[in-house]
Amino acid sequence: MPILELLLHNVLTRKVRTALTAAAVAIGVLTVATLGVVTHSFTDTAAAVLRTGKADFTVSQKGVSDLLSSVIDQARVKRIAATPGVASAVGALVATTKYNDANPLFLEIGLPASDLAEFGVKIVAGRAFEENAKDQIMLGYRAADNLGKKVGDPITVDGNNYRIVGLYETGQSLGDTGSMMPLPRLQANEREASEVTLVFVRTVPGANIPAVRKVVEHDNPELVTVRTATEFGRVDRNLQLLRAVDRGSTVLALFIGAVIVGNTMLLSFYQRTREFGVMRAVGWSRWRLMALILGEGLFMGLLGAIVGVLLTWGLTQWLARLPALLGLLHPQYTATIFWRALAVALGIGFLGALYPAVRAAFLSPATALSRE
């Protein structure tokens, strides 16, 4: 019987062993893939705040627990703007509030009216707010559509009453589902006088952006610059912790899954001792016997990967609907996450089957056939 046909026969006829092994692999895949999806989704949501302004890089306070807890004095904004190679530096106060159950993460951005164009804001209806207006607000065009609002309508945000004077577009989905108001107004609401959350920096054409970033960080040791989503961990310690948990879970899932699969395969080895002895007696080589057992482990790992991926999809969809995560978690299923999950599944299957495979390959036919 060809080895592949025998492999499938062994896997499909030993249903309990296959189910237990695949379940162990599926749990490992579920852990790794779910944490991967959650980490990537949170990173993308947080990094979207950094991409709201049309900037070459963003400046934040160093060592904060999360991005929106960054505090930068407006005097620093002027110092950054004066840095050689910087064309403009726009300080923005960024806050979030719950507008309603359908919009639990409503973005509020405070900006000087004179910096709207530099920030990348395009007015698509109405006009911009006035510099020191206390009751004027602009909505992103997506937010206006979601909330059923138009220019001239009243709106209450975080307990404060405003009149919508304009609709804007930034080209970033998170920014376009939020609001903008005069910087002094939001500073008063948040009790952050003369302070902003982030500084969005544009460099002069042809400038060496990495060099400009180094100068900004050298002149402002308490600040850090961020340009890409992969650098987001430089700002947010919570994300650093989440990434560490994500990496640790991969190693832990691989280890625990391999132990469980190895235990199941080893029990099967003792039950199949005479079978292996017969194979060796009729001329099966050690390498061929090892290939059979490792192949069974890999096949069951693949089955577990399929089940684990389906469970991951269901779990992440359920998590995204939890009130505590609504609007924060937008599951994104990237190829990288699932390739890693597949690698973990196959790794569990291979490592779990390795020891039983070696034991079977070096088993003496006479000893094996003498066992009951």
Protein backbone atom coordinates (compact mmCIF):
# COMPACT_ATOMS: atom_id res chain seq x y z
CA MET A 1 0.00 0.00 0.00
CA PRO A 2 1.45 3.43 -0.94
CA ILE A 3 2.58 5.47 2.05
CA LEU A 4 0.16 8.34 1.38
CA GLU A 5 -2.81 5.97 1.16
CA LEU A 6 -1.73 4.25 4.38
CA LEU A 7 -1.28 7.62 6.07
CA LEU A 8 -4.85 8.67 5.22
CA HIS A 9 -6.18 5.27 6.27
CA ASN A 10 -4.47 5.50 9.66
CA VAL A 11 -5.72 9.03 10.29
CA LEU A 12 -9.31 8.40 9.23
CA THR A 13 -9.74 5.03 10.97
CA ARG A 14 -8.36 6.23 14.31
CA LYS A 15 -11.03 8.88 14.81
CA VAL A 16 -10.54 9.48 18.54
CA ARG A 17 -6.79 10.03 18.21
CA THR A 18 -7.29 12.28 15.20
CA ALA A 19 -9.98 14.33 16.96
CA LEU A 20 -7.90 14.78 20.15
CA THR A 21 -4.78 15.75 18.22
CA ALA A 22 -6.62 18.14 15.89
CA ALA A 23 -8.36 19.73 18.92
CA ALA A 24 -5.01 20.40 20.61
CA VAL A 25 -3.68 21.98 17.43
CA ALA A 26 -6.88 24.00 16.94
CA ILE A 27 -6.59 25.50 20.43
CA GLY A 28 -3.03 26.57 19.71
CA VAL A 29 -4.02 28.07 16.36
CA LEU A 30 -7.01 29.80 17.97
CA THR A 31 -4.75 31.44 20.55
CA VAL A 32 -2.08 32.55 18.10
CA ALA A 33 -4.41 33.74 15.34
CA THR A 34 -6.85 35.54 17.65
CA LEU A 35 -4.11 37.47 19.42
CA GLY A 36 -2.55 38.25 16.04
CA VAL A 37 -5.83 39.62 14.68
CA VAL A 38 -6.50 41.66 17.83
CA THR A 39 -2.96 43.08 17.94
CA HIS A 40 -2.98 44.02 14.25
CA SER A 41 -6.45 45.56 14.49
CA PHE A 42 -5.61 47.66 17.56
CA THR A 43 -2.37 48.79 15.93
CA ASP A 44 -4.16 49.84 12.76
CA THR A 45 -6.88 51.70 14.70
CA ALA A 46 -4.32 53.56 16.80
CA ALA A 47 -2.02 54.28 13.87
CA ALA A 48 -4.99 55.75 11.99
CA VAL A 49 -4.88 58.63 14.46
CA LEU A 50 -1.29 59.32 13.40
CA ARG A 51 -2.29 59.28 9.74
CA THR A 52 -5.16 61.75 10.20
CA GLY A 53 -2.95 64.74 9.50
CA LYS A 54 -1.17 64.96 6.16
CA ALA A 55 2.30 64.77 7.68
CA ASP A 56 5.69 63.27 6.93
CA PHE A 57 5.94 62.19 10.57
CA THR A 58 4.16 62.69 13.87
CA VAL A 59 5.60 63.77 17.22
CA SER A 60 4.34 62.38 20.53
CA GLN A 61 5.37 62.42 24.15
CA LYS A 62 7.79 59.60 24.92
CA GLY A 63 6.89 56.74 27.26
CA VAL A 64 3.12 57.28 27.48
CA SER A 65 0.82 54.38 28.26
CA ASP A 66 -1.30 55.13 25.20
CA LEU A 67 -1.19 57.57 22.32
CA LEU A 68 -3.97 59.88 23.47
CA SER A 69 -2.36 60.44 26.88
CA SER A 70 0.52 62.30 25.19
CA VAL A 71 0.89 65.91 26.38
CA ILE A 72 3.00 68.47 24.49
CA ASP A 73 3.19 72.16 25.37
CA GLN A 74 2.37 74.51 22.49
CA ALA A 75 5.72 76.20 23.01
CA ARG A 76 7.28 72.92 21.88
CA VAL A 77 5.25 73.07 18.70
CA LYS A 78 6.88 76.40 17.83
CA ARG A 79 10.32 74.97 18.60
CA ILE A 80 9.67 72.00 16.32
CA ALA A 81 8.41 74.33 13.58
CA ALA A 82 11.71 76.21 13.78
CA THR A 83 13.78 73.03 13.25
CA PRO A 84 15.85 73.13 10.03
CA GLY A 85 14.11 71.10 7.32
CA VAL A 86 10.62 71.51 8.83
CA ALA A 87 8.11 73.28 6.61
CA SER A 88 5.24 73.24 9.11
CA ALA A 89 4.30 71.77 12.48
CA VAL A 90 0.63 71.56 13.42
CA GLY A 91 -0.24 70.86 17.05
CA ALA A 92 -3.53 69.02 17.51
CA LEU A 93 -5.41 68.06 20.65
CA VAL A 94 -7.03 64.67 20.09
CA ALA A 95 -9.68 63.16 22.34
CA THR A 96 -12.34 60.48 22.05
CA THR A 97 -15.82 60.28 23.49
CA LYS A 98 -18.86 58.05 23.23
CA TYR A 99 -21.42 59.75 21.01
CA ASN A 100 -23.95 56.92 21.19
CA ASP A 101 -24.00 53.11 21.30
CA ALA A 102 -23.33 52.92 17.56
CA ASN A 103 -20.43 55.39 17.81
CA PRO A 104 -18.54 54.56 21.04
CA LEU A 105 -15.21 55.93 19.76
CA PHE A 106 -16.08 59.36 18.37
CA LEU A 107 -12.96 61.37 17.57
CA GLU A 108 -12.64 65.02 18.62
CA ILE A 109 -9.77 66.99 17.08
CA GLY A 110 -8.90 70.51 18.22
CA LEU A 111 -6.96 72.60 15.69
CA PRO A 112 -6.14 76.26 15.09
CA ALA A 113 -8.41 77.45 12.28
CA SER A 114 -5.36 78.79 10.42
CA ASP A 115 -3.81 75.29 10.31
CA LEU A 116 -6.73 73.40 8.78
CA ALA A 117 -5.34 73.46 5.23
CA GLU A 118 -1.86 72.52 6.45
CA PHE A 119 -3.38 69.63 8.40
CA GLY A 120 -4.87 68.31 5.17
CA VAL A 121 -8.49 69.31 5.74
CA LYS A 122 -10.68 69.85 2.70
CA ILE A 123 -14.00 71.61 3.28
CA VAL A 124 -16.68 69.79 1.28
CA ALA A 125 -19.73 71.70 2.57
CA GLY A 126 -20.29 74.87 4.55
CA ARG A 127 -17.21 76.63 5.94
CA ALA A 128 -14.47 76.30 8.52
CA PHE A 129 -15.02 77.19 12.16
CA GLU A 130 -13.82 80.54 13.48
CA GLU A 131 -10.63 80.68 15.56
CA ASN A 132 -12.14 81.30 19.01
CA ALA A 133 -15.73 80.21 18.45
CA LYS A 134 -17.21 78.29 21.37
CA ASP A 135 -20.21 76.73 19.68
CA GLN A 136 -18.91 75.86 16.20
CA ILE A 137 -17.90 72.40 15.05
CA MET A 138 -17.14 70.63 11.78
CA LEU A 139 -18.03 67.01 11.09
CA GLY A 140 -16.23 64.59 8.83
CA TYR A 141 -18.42 63.80 5.86
CA ARG A 142 -18.60 60.13 6.94
CA ALA A 143 -19.69 61.17 10.46
CA ALA A 144 -22.38 63.45 9.03
CA ASP A 145 -23.68 60.58 6.92
CA ASN A 146 -23.62 58.15 9.87
CA LEU A 147 -25.37 60.58 12.21
CA GLY A 148 -27.80 62.00 9.67
CA LYS A 149 -26.47 65.55 10.18
CA LYS A 150 -25.95 68.45 7.79
CA VAL A 151 -24.55 71.98 7.87
CA GLY A 152 -26.57 74.19 10.22
CA ASP A 153 -27.81 71.35 12.43
CA PRO A 154 -27.26 71.40 16.19
CA ILE A 155 -25.24 68.58 17.75
CA THR A 156 -24.28 67.61 21.29
CA VAL A 157 -20.86 66.01 21.75
CA ASP A 158 -19.61 64.94 25.18
CA GLY A 159 -22.29 67.04 26.84
CA ASN A 160 -21.40 70.22 24.92
CA ASN A 161 -23.76 71.88 22.43
CA TYR A 162 -22.51 72.99 19.01
CA ARG A 163 -23.74 74.13 15.63
CA ILE A 164 -22.35 72.35 12.57
CA VAL A 165 -20.74 74.98 10.33
CA GLY A 166 -19.04 72.69 7.84
CA LEU A 167 -18.26 69.17 6.63
CA TYR A 168 -14.69 68.13 5.89
CA GLU A 169 -12.64 65.37 4.33
CA THR A 170 -9.13 64.22 5.29
CA GLY A 171 -8.86 61.06 3.24
CA GLN A 172 -8.48 58.97 6.43
CA SER A 173 -11.52 56.94 7.49
CA LEU A 174 -11.03 57.48 11.23
CA GLY A 175 -10.64 61.24 10.83
CA ASP A 176 -13.61 61.46 8.49
CA THR A 177 -15.86 59.73 11.03
CA GLY A 178 -15.00 62.28 13.74
CA SER A 179 -15.21 66.00 14.39
CA MET A 180 -13.01 69.11 14.47
CA MET A 181 -13.37 72.26 16.54
CA PRO A 182 -11.26 75.29 17.54
CA LEU A 183 -8.23 74.24 19.58
CA PRO A 184 -9.02 76.59 22.52
CA ARG A 185 -12.54 75.15 22.77
CA LEU A 186 -11.34 71.53 23.04
CA GLN A 187 -8.53 72.55 25.40
CA ALA A 188 -11.15 74.09 27.69
CA ASN A 189 -13.34 70.97 27.46
CA GLU A 190 -10.42 68.67 28.28
CA ARG A 191 -8.83 71.08 30.78
CA GLU A 192 -5.59 71.01 28.77
CA ALA A 193 -4.70 74.70 28.56
CA SER A 194 -1.85 75.46 26.12
CA GLU A 195 -1.30 71.75 25.45
CA VAL A 196 -1.76 69.45 22.48
CA THR A 197 -1.63 65.69 22.05
CA LEU A 198 0.37 65.31 18.82
CA VAL A 199 2.38 67.43 16.43
CA PHE A 200 2.01 66.69 12.72
CA VAL A 201 5.17 67.69 10.87
CA ARG A 202 5.74 68.34 7.20
CA THR A 203 9.26 68.71 5.89
CA VAL A 204 10.48 70.96 3.10
CA PRO A 205 10.67 69.33 -0.34
CA GLY A 206 13.82 67.25 -0.71
CA ALA A 207 14.61 67.21 3.00
CA ASN A 208 16.21 64.15 4.58
CA ILE A 209 13.28 63.03 6.74
CA PRO A 210 15.23 60.58 8.97
CA ALA A 211 17.81 63.32 9.64
CA VAL A 212 15.08 65.85 10.52
CA ARG A 213 13.50 63.33 12.89
CA LYS A 214 16.82 62.81 14.65
CA VAL A 215 17.23 66.55 15.14
CA VAL A 216 13.71 66.88 16.56
CA GLU A 217 14.31 64.03 19.01
CA HIS A 218 17.76 65.37 19.96
CA ASP A 219 16.40 68.86 20.65
CA ASN A 220 13.36 67.48 22.50
CA PRO A 221 14.50 64.42 24.53
CA GLU A 222 11.07 63.94 26.08
CA LEU A 223 9.46 63.52 22.63
CA VAL A 224 9.56 60.76 20.04
CA THR A 225 8.78 60.75 16.32
CA VAL A 226 6.69 58.15 14.50
CA ARG A 227 6.30 57.70 10.78
CA THR A 228 4.90 54.20 10.17
CA ALA A 229 2.53 51.81 11.93
CA THR A 230 5.45 49.47 12.70
CA GLU A 231 7.04 52.27 14.76
CA PHE A 232 3.90 52.78 16.81
CA GLY A 233 5.35 50.78 19.70
CA ARG A 234 7.83 53.64 20.26
CA VAL A 235 4.88 55.67 21.53
CA ASP A 236 2.37 53.29 23.05
CA ARG A 237 3.57 51.03 25.87
CA ASN A 238 0.25 49.19 25.89
CA LEU A 239 0.88 48.14 22.31
CA GLN A 240 4.40 47.01 23.20
CA LEU A 241 2.92 44.80 25.90
CA LEU A 242 0.27 43.44 23.54
CA ARG A 243 2.91 42.58 20.94
CA ALA A 244 5.02 40.85 23.60
CA VAL A 245 1.97 38.80 24.65
CA ASP A 246 1.34 37.98 20.99
CA ARG A 247 4.90 36.68 20.51
CA GLY A 248 4.87 34.84 23.83
CA SER A 249 1.57 33.15 23.02
CA THR A 250 3.07 31.75 19.82
CA VAL A 251 5.93 30.10 21.69
CA LEU A 252 3.67 28.89 24.49
CA ALA A 253 1.06 27.50 22.10
CA LEU A 254 3.78 25.68 20.16
CA PHE A 255 5.23 24.15 23.34
CA ILE A 256 1.95 23.14 25.01
CA GLY A 257 0.42 21.92 21.77
CA ALA A 258 3.50 19.81 20.99
CA VAL A 259 3.37 18.22 24.47
CA ILE A 260 -0.34 17.35 24.12
CA VAL A 261 0.07 15.99 20.60
CA GLY A 262 3.23 14.12 21.62
CA ASN A 263 1.38 12.48 24.50
CA THR A 264 -1.47 11.41 22.22
CA MET A 265 0.90 10.11 19.57
CA LEU A 266 2.98 8.28 22.16
CA LEU A 267 -0.09 6.46 23.49
CA SER A 268 -0.90 5.51 19.92
CA PHE A 269 2.67 4.27 19.50
CA TYR A 270 2.24 1.75 22.33
CA GLN A 271 -1.03 0.56 20.80
CA ARG A 272 0.61 0.11 17.39
CA THR A 273 3.87 -1.52 18.46
CA ARG A 274 3.13 -4.81 16.70
CA GLU A 275 2.05 -2.91 13.57
CA PHE A 276 5.39 -1.11 13.45
CA GLY A 277 7.23 -4.37 14.07
CA VAL A 278 5.49 -5.99 11.10
CA MET A 279 6.41 -3.03 8.89
CA ARG A 280 10.06 -3.27 9.88
CA ALA A 281 9.99 -7.05 9.39
CA VAL A 282 8.62 -6.81 5.82
CA GLY A 283 11.32 -4.36 4.80
CA TRP A 284 10.17 -0.86 5.73
CA SER A 285 13.20 1.37 6.30
CA ARG A 286 13.56 3.47 9.40
CA TRP A 287 13.21 6.69 7.35
CA ARG A 288 10.04 5.45 5.65
CA LEU A 289 8.45 4.57 8.98
CA MET A 290 9.43 7.95 10.41
CA ALA A 291 7.97 9.66 7.35
CA LEU A 292 4.67 7.82 7.90
CA ILE A 293 4.32 8.87 11.54
CA LEU A 294 5.51 12.44 10.94
CA GLY A 295 3.14 12.67 7.99
CA GLU A 296 0.26 11.64 10.24
CA GLY A 297 1.25 14.34 12.72
CA LEU A 298 1.45 16.99 9.99
CA PHE A 299 -1.86 15.94 8.49
CA MET A 300 -3.61 16.20 11.86
CA GLY A 301 -1.88 19.55 12.37
CA LEU A 302 -3.38 20.73 9.08
CA LEU A 303 -6.85 19.60 10.17
CA GLY A 304 -6.38 21.44 13.46
CA ALA A 305 -5.29 24.57 11.56
CA ILE A 306 -8.51 24.58 9.54
CA VAL A 307 -10.65 24.19 12.66
CA GLY A 308 -8.58 26.80 14.54
CA VAL A 309 -8.94 29.38 11.75
CA LEU A 310 -12.73 28.92 11.69
CA LEU A 311 -12.85 29.30 15.48
CA THR A 312 -10.67 32.41 15.24
CA TRP A 313 -13.05 34.04 12.79
CA GLY A 314 -16.03 33.33 15.03
CA LEU A 315 -14.29 34.47 18.22
CA THR A 316 -12.96 37.74 16.78
CA GLN A 317 -16.35 38.59 15.29
CA TRP A 318 -17.91 38.01 18.71
CA LEU A 319 -15.24 40.11 20.45
CA ALA A 320 -15.79 42.99 18.01
CA ARG A 321 -19.45 43.13 19.09
CA LEU A 322 -18.73 43.34 22.80
CA PRO A 323 -19.77 46.75 24.21
CA ALA A 324 -16.28 47.30 25.66
CA LEU A 325 -14.62 46.77 22.25
CA LEU A 326 -17.27 48.15 19.91
CA GLY A 327 -15.63 50.72 17.65
CA LEU A 328 -12.16 49.82 18.90
CA LEU A 329 -11.70 46.36 17.44
CA HIS A 330 -12.11 46.03 13.70
CA PRO A 331 -10.89 42.49 12.90
CA GLN A 332 -8.47 42.39 10.00
CA TYR A 333 -7.47 38.97 8.73
CA THR A 334 -4.09 39.38 7.11
CA ALA A 335 -2.19 36.67 5.26
CA THR A 336 0.77 37.05 7.66
CA ILE A 337 -1.37 36.14 10.67
CA PHE A 338 -2.72 32.98 9.08
CA TRP A 339 0.61 31.89 7.62
CA ARG A 340 2.00 32.11 11.15
CA ALA A 341 -0.96 30.15 12.49
CA LEU A 342 -0.39 27.47 9.83
CA ALA A 343 3.31 27.33 10.73
CA VAL A 344 2.41 26.88 14.40
CA ALA A 345 -0.08 24.11 13.53
CA LEU A 346 2.42 22.20 11.40
CA GLY A 347 5.12 22.81 14.00
CA ILE A 348 2.90 21.33 16.72
CA GLY A 349 2.12 18.31 14.55
CA PHE A 350 5.75 17.76 13.61
CA LEU A 351 7.25 18.21 17.08
CA GLY A 352 4.49 16.15 18.69
CA ALA A 353 5.08 13.25 16.30
CA LEU A 354 8.88 13.45 16.29
CA TYR A 355 9.63 11.41 19.43
CA PRO A 356 7.10 8.64 18.66
CA ALA A 357 8.47 8.52 15.10
CA VAL A 358 12.04 8.05 16.33
CA ARG A 359 10.92 5.39 18.83
CA ALA A 360 9.09 3.49 16.11
CA ALA A 361 11.96 3.75 13.62
CA PHE A 362 14.51 2.27 16.02
CA LEU A 363 12.18 -0.37 17.41
CA SER A 364 13.50 -3.92 17.06
CA PRO A 365 11.13 -6.02 14.92
CA ALA A 366 11.61 -9.05 17.18
CA THR A 367 10.85 -7.02 20.30
CA ALA A 368 7.82 -5.40 18.71
CA LEU A 369 6.34 -8.69 17.49
CA SER A 370 6.80 -10.31 20.88
CA ARG A 371 4.57 -7.73 22.59
CA GLU A 372 0.91 -8.41 23.19
